[in-house]
Amino acid sequence: MRTGRIARKTQETDILVELDLDGTGQYEVATGIGFLDHMIEQFSRHAAIDLVCKVQGDLHVDQHHTCEDSAIAIGQALAQALGDKRGITRYGHAYSPMDETLARVALDISGRPWLVWKAGFTQARLGEMDTELIEHWFHSVAQAAGITLHVELLYGQNNHHICESIYKGFARAMRQAVSIDTRKADAVPSTKGQLGG
């Protein structure tokens, strides 16, 4: 079973994340930030990763801790579920069109966290979510999961479409990368014999 479970409690957030890499995209998401819920649900559905993400955060302060800590917990759960990464495809990429918008996402489950972000927004909020937190969410996931992640907005105008296109592209790239390579199901996909160290 390629599953992960992270229970993380600080003075700022109380989080439970459970996921199954070999799921069907069933989700139960409640972060207290409606737009973030919508994006995490898109990730679960399009990655075909079953996901529970429940957060009680200090939203009376602002959204930063809830957004950041949800990403950290999801990243940690991904890393836990992947274990030694034996048999995975490792690399994933996706072009994700949404109406007038096109995003490109590529990732490597390398154990070497990095984010290249070439996207932006022309409004400060989507729903009640601060758009500056979107890049930070992906940075936090990449760090916690140990993935190299490249995100590019090729073009687009509608801010909702831009964000959703990126999350769906991330999901599709992750779905590809975590899939089992049937030709190498018993091997770690690295000439070093290990990933992340």
C-alpha atoms as a PDB file:
ATOM      1  CA  MET A   1       0.000   0.000   0.000  1.00  0.00           C
ATOM      2  CA  ARG A   2       1.476   3.332  -1.091  1.00  0.00           C
ATOM      3  CA  THR A   3      -0.181   5.493   1.515  1.00  0.00           C
ATOM      4  CA  GLY A   4       0.812   8.406   3.705  1.00  0.00           C
ATOM      5  CA  ARG A   5      -0.635   9.887   6.864  1.00  0.00           C
ATOM      6  CA  ILE A   6       0.527  13.121   8.488  1.00  0.00           C
ATOM      7  CA  ALA A   7      -0.980  14.565  11.650  1.00  0.00           C
ATOM      8  CA  ARG A   8       0.670  17.933  12.279  1.00  0.00           C
ATOM      9  CA  LYS A   9      -0.227  20.281  15.107  1.00  0.00           C
ATOM     10  CA  THR A  10       1.403  23.611  15.892  1.00  0.00           C
ATOM     11  CA  GLN A  11       0.233  26.775  17.619  1.00  0.00           C
ATOM     12  CA  GLU A  12      -0.871  27.987  14.181  1.00  0.00           C
ATOM     13  CA  THR A  13      -2.523  24.960  12.550  1.00  0.00           C
ATOM     14  CA  ASP A  14      -3.927  21.523  13.305  1.00  0.00           C
ATOM     15  CA  ILE A  15      -3.773  19.326  10.197  1.00  0.00           C
ATOM     16  CA  LEU A  16      -4.629  15.797   9.158  1.00  0.00           C
ATOM     17  CA  VAL A  17      -3.603  14.566   5.717  1.00  0.00           C
ATOM     18  CA  GLU A  18      -4.128  11.028   4.462  1.00  0.00           C
ATOM     19  CA  LEU A  19      -3.464   9.952   0.890  1.00  0.00           C
ATOM     20  CA  ASP A  20      -3.298   6.886  -1.314  1.00  0.00           C
ATOM     21  CA  LEU A  21      -1.199   7.111  -4.470  1.00  0.00           C
ATOM     22  CA  ASP A  22      -3.121   4.213  -6.019  1.00  0.00           C
ATOM     23  CA  GLY A  23      -6.568   5.682  -5.486  1.00  0.00           C
ATOM     24  CA  THR A  24      -9.195   6.965  -7.874  1.00  0.00           C
ATOM     25  CA  GLY A  25      -9.239  10.641  -6.962  1.00  0.00           C
ATOM     26  CA  GLN A  26     -11.674  10.598  -4.054  1.00  0.00           C
ATOM     27  CA  TYR A  27     -11.253  13.546  -1.722  1.00  0.00           C
ATOM     28  CA  GLU A  28     -12.372  15.114   1.522  1.00  0.00           C
ATOM     29  CA  VAL A  29     -10.918  18.603   1.791  1.00  0.00           C
ATOM     30  CA  ALA A  30     -11.662  21.307   4.355  1.00  0.00           C
ATOM     31  CA  THR A  31      -9.020  23.991   4.903  1.00  0.00           C
ATOM     32  CA  GLY A  32     -11.288  26.895   5.768  1.00  0.00           C
ATOM     33  CA  ILE A  33     -10.265  28.622   2.509  1.00  0.00           C
ATOM     34  CA  GLY A  34     -12.819  27.845  -0.182  1.00  0.00           C
ATOM     35  CA  PHE A  35     -10.614  28.489  -3.193  1.00  0.00           C
ATOM     36  CA  LEU A  36      -7.749  26.448  -1.744  1.00  0.00           C
ATOM     37  CA  ASP A  37     -10.186  23.590  -1.123  1.00  0.00           C
ATOM     38  CA  HIS A  38     -11.208  23.770  -4.785  1.00  0.00           C
ATOM     39  CA  MET A  39      -7.595  23.608  -5.979  1.00  0.00           C
ATOM     40  CA  ILE A  40      -6.614  20.716  -3.686  1.00  0.00           C
ATOM     41  CA  GLU A  41      -9.730  18.853  -4.860  1.00  0.00           C
ATOM     42  CA  GLN A  42      -8.591  19.386  -8.458  1.00  0.00           C
ATOM     43  CA  PHE A  43      -5.194  17.974  -7.554  1.00  0.00           C
ATOM     44  CA  SER A  44      -6.708  14.864  -5.971  1.00  0.00           C
ATOM     45  CA  ARG A  45      -9.141  14.181  -8.802  1.00  0.00           C
ATOM     46  CA  HIS A  46      -6.711  14.682 -11.672  1.00  0.00           C
ATOM     47  CA  ALA A  47      -3.790  12.923  -9.989  1.00  0.00           C
ATOM     48  CA  ALA A  48      -6.087   9.979  -9.138  1.00  0.00           C
ATOM     49  CA  ILE A  49      -4.740  10.232  -5.585  1.00  0.00           C
ATOM     50  CA  ASP A  50      -7.259   9.685  -2.796  1.00  0.00           C
ATOM     51  CA  LEU A  51      -6.813  12.544  -0.364  1.00  0.00           C
ATOM     52  CA  VAL A  52      -8.093  13.707   2.993  1.00  0.00           C
ATOM     53  CA  CYS A  53      -6.916  17.196   3.961  1.00  0.00           C
ATOM     54  CA  LYS A  54      -8.467  18.752   7.051  1.00  0.00           C
ATOM     55  CA  VAL A  55      -7.056  21.955   8.482  1.00  0.00           C
ATOM     56  CA  GLN A  56      -7.972  24.121  11.432  1.00  0.00           C
ATOM     57  CA  GLY A  57      -5.826  27.211  11.113  1.00  0.00           C
ATOM     58  CA  ASP A  58      -5.441  30.681  12.541  1.00  0.00           C
ATOM     59  CA  LEU A  59      -7.445  32.338   9.787  1.00  0.00           C
ATOM     60  CA  HIS A  60      -8.213  35.207  12.163  1.00  0.00           C
ATOM     61  CA  VAL A  61      -4.555  36.181  11.618  1.00  0.00           C
ATOM     62  CA  ASP A  62      -4.402  35.547   7.849  1.00  0.00           C
ATOM     63  CA  GLN A  63      -4.282  32.646   5.401  1.00  0.00           C
ATOM     64  CA  HIS A  64      -0.523  32.183   5.293  1.00  0.00           C
ATOM     65  CA  HIS A  65      -0.101  29.468   7.916  1.00  0.00           C
ATOM     66  CA  THR A  66      -3.083  27.433   6.704  1.00  0.00           C
ATOM     67  CA  CYS A  67      -1.890  27.558   3.104  1.00  0.00           C
ATOM     68  CA  GLU A  68       1.748  26.820   3.881  1.00  0.00           C
ATOM     69  CA  ASP A  69       1.103  24.058   6.413  1.00  0.00           C
ATOM     70  CA  SER A  70      -1.447  22.263   4.223  1.00  0.00           C
ATOM     71  CA  ALA A  71       1.195  22.123   1.487  1.00  0.00           C
ATOM     72  CA  ILE A  72       3.874  20.899   3.878  1.00  0.00           C
ATOM     73  CA  ALA A  73       1.620  18.126   5.172  1.00  0.00           C
ATOM     74  CA  ILE A  74       0.580  17.037   1.667  1.00  0.00           C
ATOM     75  CA  GLY A  75       4.233  17.028   0.596  1.00  0.00           C
ATOM     76  CA  GLN A  76       5.260  14.993   3.631  1.00  0.00           C
ATOM     77  CA  ALA A  77       2.460  12.502   2.997  1.00  0.00           C
ATOM     78  CA  LEU A  78       3.545  12.153  -0.643  1.00  0.00           C
ATOM     79  CA  ALA A  79       7.137  11.473   0.454  1.00  0.00           C
ATOM     80  CA  GLN A  80       5.953   8.941   3.023  1.00  0.00           C
ATOM     81  CA  ALA A  81       3.760   7.129   0.492  1.00  0.00           C
ATOM     82  CA  LEU A  82       6.609   6.983  -2.038  1.00  0.00           C
ATOM     83  CA  GLY A  83       9.001   5.362   0.427  1.00  0.00           C
ATOM     84  CA  ASP A  84      12.296   4.534  -1.321  1.00  0.00           C
ATOM     85  CA  LYS A  85      10.615   5.364  -4.664  1.00  0.00           C
ATOM     86  CA  ARG A  86      11.239   1.890  -6.004  1.00  0.00           C
ATOM     87  CA  GLY A  87       9.506   1.233  -9.314  1.00  0.00           C
ATOM     88  CA  ILE A  88       8.152   4.720  -9.944  1.00  0.00           C
ATOM     89  CA  THR A  89       8.311   6.415 -13.326  1.00  0.00           C
ATOM     90  CA  ARG A  90       9.929   9.372 -11.484  1.00  0.00           C
ATOM     91  CA  TYR A  91       9.386  12.060 -14.130  1.00  0.00           C
ATOM     92  CA  GLY A  92       6.116  13.630 -15.117  1.00  0.00           C
ATOM     93  CA  HIS A  93       4.967  16.502 -17.281  1.00  0.00           C
ATOM     94  CA  ALA A  94       1.715  17.954 -18.537  1.00  0.00           C
ATOM     95  CA  TYR A  95       0.372  20.684 -20.746  1.00  0.00           C
ATOM     96  CA  SER A  96      -2.857  21.823 -19.169  1.00  0.00           C
ATOM     97  CA  PRO A  97      -5.234  23.919 -21.272  1.00  0.00           C
ATOM     98  CA  MET A  98      -8.228  25.669 -19.741  1.00  0.00           C
ATOM     99  CA  ASP A  99     -10.148  27.843 -22.160  1.00  0.00           C
ATOM    100  CA  GLU A 100      -7.774  30.707 -23.120  1.00  0.00           C
ATOM    101  CA  THR A 101      -5.067  29.556 -20.707  1.00  0.00           C
ATOM    102  CA  LEU A 102      -2.243  27.072 -21.167  1.00  0.00           C
ATOM    103  CA  ALA A 103       0.143  25.976 -18.417  1.00  0.00           C
ATOM    104  CA  ARG A 104       3.086  23.589 -18.524  1.00  0.00           C
ATOM    105  CA  VAL A 105       4.231  21.631 -15.473  1.00  0.00           C
ATOM    106  CA  ALA A 106       7.217  19.283 -15.289  1.00  0.00           C
ATOM    107  CA  LEU A 107       8.514  17.502 -12.228  1.00  0.00           C
ATOM    108  CA  ASP A 108      11.116  15.028 -11.052  1.00  0.00           C
ATOM    109  CA  ILE A 109      10.652  13.036  -7.845  1.00  0.00           C
ATOM    110  CA  SER A 110      14.348  13.428  -7.264  1.00  0.00           C
ATOM    111  CA  GLY A 111      14.717  13.998  -3.542  1.00  0.00           C
ATOM    112  CA  ARG A 112      16.188  17.392  -4.483  1.00  0.00           C
ATOM    113  CA  PRO A 113      13.548  20.025  -3.782  1.00  0.00           C
ATOM    114  CA  TRP A 114      13.417  22.987  -6.132  1.00  0.00           C
ATOM    115  CA  LEU A 115      10.751  25.228  -7.576  1.00  0.00           C
ATOM    116  CA  VAL A 116      10.993  27.224 -10.778  1.00  0.00           C
ATOM    117  CA  TRP A 117       7.915  29.445 -10.990  1.00  0.00           C
ATOM    118  CA  LYS A 118       7.144  31.396 -14.159  1.00  0.00           C
ATOM    119  CA  ALA A 119       3.558  32.439 -13.604  1.00  0.00           C
ATOM    120  CA  GLY A 120       1.716  35.365 -12.133  1.00  0.00           C
ATOM    121  CA  PHE A 121      -1.669  36.880 -11.399  1.00  0.00           C
ATOM    122  CA  THR A 122      -3.201  40.250 -12.129  1.00  0.00           C
ATOM    123  CA  GLN A 123      -5.491  40.343  -9.109  1.00  0.00           C
ATOM    124  CA  ALA A 124      -4.743  40.125  -5.403  1.00  0.00           C
ATOM    125  CA  ARG A 125      -7.347  37.526  -4.508  1.00  0.00           C
ATOM    126  CA  LEU A 126      -9.227  34.580  -5.959  1.00  0.00           C
ATOM    127  CA  GLY A 127     -12.349  34.154  -3.924  1.00  0.00           C
ATOM    128  CA  GLU A 128     -11.000  34.856  -0.462  1.00  0.00           C
ATOM    129  CA  MET A 129      -7.529  33.435  -1.192  1.00  0.00           C
ATOM    130  CA  ASP A 130      -4.511  35.722  -1.557  1.00  0.00           C
ATOM    131  CA  THR A 131      -2.944  34.943  -4.944  1.00  0.00           C
ATOM    132  CA  GLU A 132       0.580  35.546  -3.584  1.00  0.00           C
ATOM    133  CA  LEU A 133       0.112  32.345  -1.553  1.00  0.00           C
ATOM    134  CA  ILE A 134      -0.274  30.143  -4.635  1.00  0.00           C
ATOM    135  CA  GLU A 135       3.418  30.167  -5.534  1.00  0.00           C
ATOM    136  CA  HIS A 136       4.226  29.671  -1.856  1.00  0.00           C
ATOM    137  CA  TRP A 137       1.926  26.613  -1.721  1.00  0.00           C
ATOM    138  CA  PHE A 138       3.832  24.974  -4.576  1.00  0.00           C
ATOM    139  CA  HIS A 139       7.179  25.902  -3.041  1.00  0.00           C
ATOM    140  CA  SER A 140       6.143  24.273   0.243  1.00  0.00           C
ATOM    141  CA  VAL A 141       4.900  21.094  -1.469  1.00  0.00           C
ATOM    142  CA  ALA A 142       8.120  20.790  -3.481  1.00  0.00           C
ATOM    143  CA  GLN A 143      10.280  21.241  -0.388  1.00  0.00           C
ATOM    144  CA  ALA A 144       8.337  18.783   1.768  1.00  0.00           C
ATOM    145  CA  ALA A 145       7.929  16.124  -0.934  1.00  0.00           C
ATOM    146  CA  GLY A 146      11.499  16.426  -2.225  1.00  0.00           C
ATOM    147  CA  ILE A 147      10.552  17.141  -5.821  1.00  0.00           C
ATOM    148  CA  THR A 148      12.019  19.343  -8.512  1.00  0.00           C
ATOM    149  CA  LEU A 149       9.050  21.275  -9.875  1.00  0.00           C
ATOM    150  CA  HIS A 150       8.873  23.614 -12.868  1.00  0.00           C
ATOM    151  CA  VAL A 151       5.686  25.611 -13.423  1.00  0.00           C
ATOM    152  CA  GLU A 152       5.157  27.874 -16.413  1.00  0.00           C
ATOM    153  CA  LEU A 153       2.185  29.874 -17.542  1.00  0.00           C
ATOM    154  CA  LEU A 154       2.547  29.905 -21.320  1.00  0.00           C
ATOM    155  CA  TYR A 155      -0.386  32.278 -21.754  1.00  0.00           C
ATOM    156  CA  GLY A 156      -3.732  33.155 -20.241  1.00  0.00           C
ATOM    157  CA  GLN A 157      -5.850  36.022 -18.968  1.00  0.00           C
ATOM    158  CA  ASN A 158      -8.458  34.781 -16.518  1.00  0.00           C
ATOM    159  CA  ASN A 159      -6.860  34.405 -13.089  1.00  0.00           C
ATOM    160  CA  HIS A 160      -9.112  31.534 -12.010  1.00  0.00           C
ATOM    161  CA  HIS A 161      -8.267  29.659 -15.205  1.00  0.00           C
ATOM    162  CA  ILE A 162      -4.559  30.312 -14.714  1.00  0.00           C
ATOM    163  CA  CYS A 163      -4.528  28.893 -11.202  1.00  0.00           C
ATOM    164  CA  GLU A 164      -6.730  25.910 -12.003  1.00  0.00           C
ATOM    165  CA  SER A 165      -4.695  25.098 -15.095  1.00  0.00           C
ATOM    166  CA  ILE A 166      -1.529  25.020 -12.972  1.00  0.00           C
ATOM    167  CA  TYR A 167      -3.044  22.771 -10.301  1.00  0.00           C
ATOM    168  CA  LYS A 168      -4.436  20.371 -12.903  1.00  0.00           C
ATOM    169  CA  GLY A 169      -1.101  20.285 -14.704  1.00  0.00           C
ATOM    170  CA  PHE A 170       0.647  19.544 -11.419  1.00  0.00           C
ATOM    171  CA  ALA A 171      -1.834  16.755 -10.779  1.00  0.00           C
ATOM    172  CA  ARG A 172      -1.376  15.157 -14.184  1.00  0.00           C
ATOM    173  CA  ALA A 173       2.406  15.374 -13.957  1.00  0.00           C
ATOM    174  CA  MET A 174       2.316  13.821 -10.472  1.00  0.00           C
ATOM    175  CA  ARG A 175       0.001  11.046 -11.666  1.00  0.00           C
ATOM    176  CA  GLN A 176       2.527  10.157 -14.350  1.00  0.00           C
ATOM    177  CA  ALA A 177       5.570  10.398 -12.080  1.00  0.00           C
ATOM    178  CA  VAL A 178       4.215   8.222  -9.241  1.00  0.00           C
ATOM    179  CA  SER A 179       2.941   5.523 -11.605  1.00  0.00           C
ATOM    180  CA  ILE A 180       4.754   2.208 -11.531  1.00  0.00           C
ATOM    181  CA  ASP A 181       7.075   1.504 -14.453  1.00  0.00           C
ATOM    182  CA  THR A 182       6.254  -2.138 -15.154  1.00  0.00           C
ATOM    183  CA  ARG A 183       9.630  -2.683 -16.834  1.00  0.00           C
ATOM    184  CA  LYS A 184      11.504  -1.514 -13.740  1.00  0.00           C
ATOM    185  CA  ALA A 185       9.091  -2.192 -10.895  1.00  0.00           C
ATOM    186  CA  ASP A 186      11.827  -3.611  -8.668  1.00  0.00           C
ATOM    187  CA  ALA A 187      14.373  -0.816  -9.164  1.00  0.00           C
ATOM    188  CA  VAL A 188      14.928   2.690  -7.854  1.00  0.00           C
ATOM    189  CA  PRO A 189      14.999   4.913 -10.980  1.00  0.00           C
ATOM    190  CA  SER A 190      18.514   6.277 -10.528  1.00  0.00           C
ATOM    191  CA  THR A 191      21.991   5.122 -11.507  1.00  0.00           C
ATOM    192  CA  LYS A 192      22.993   5.883  -7.907  1.00  0.00           C
ATOM    193  CA  GLY A 193      20.575   3.244  -6.642  1.00  0.00           C
ATOM    194  CA  GLN A 194      18.775   5.766  -4.471  1.00  0.00           C
ATOM    195  CA  LEU A 195      16.930   9.052  -4.726  1.00  0.00           C
ATOM    196  CA  GLY A 196      17.350  11.897  -2.296  1.00  0.00           C
ATOM    197  CA  GLY A 197      20.685  11.507  -0.654  1.00  0.00           C
END
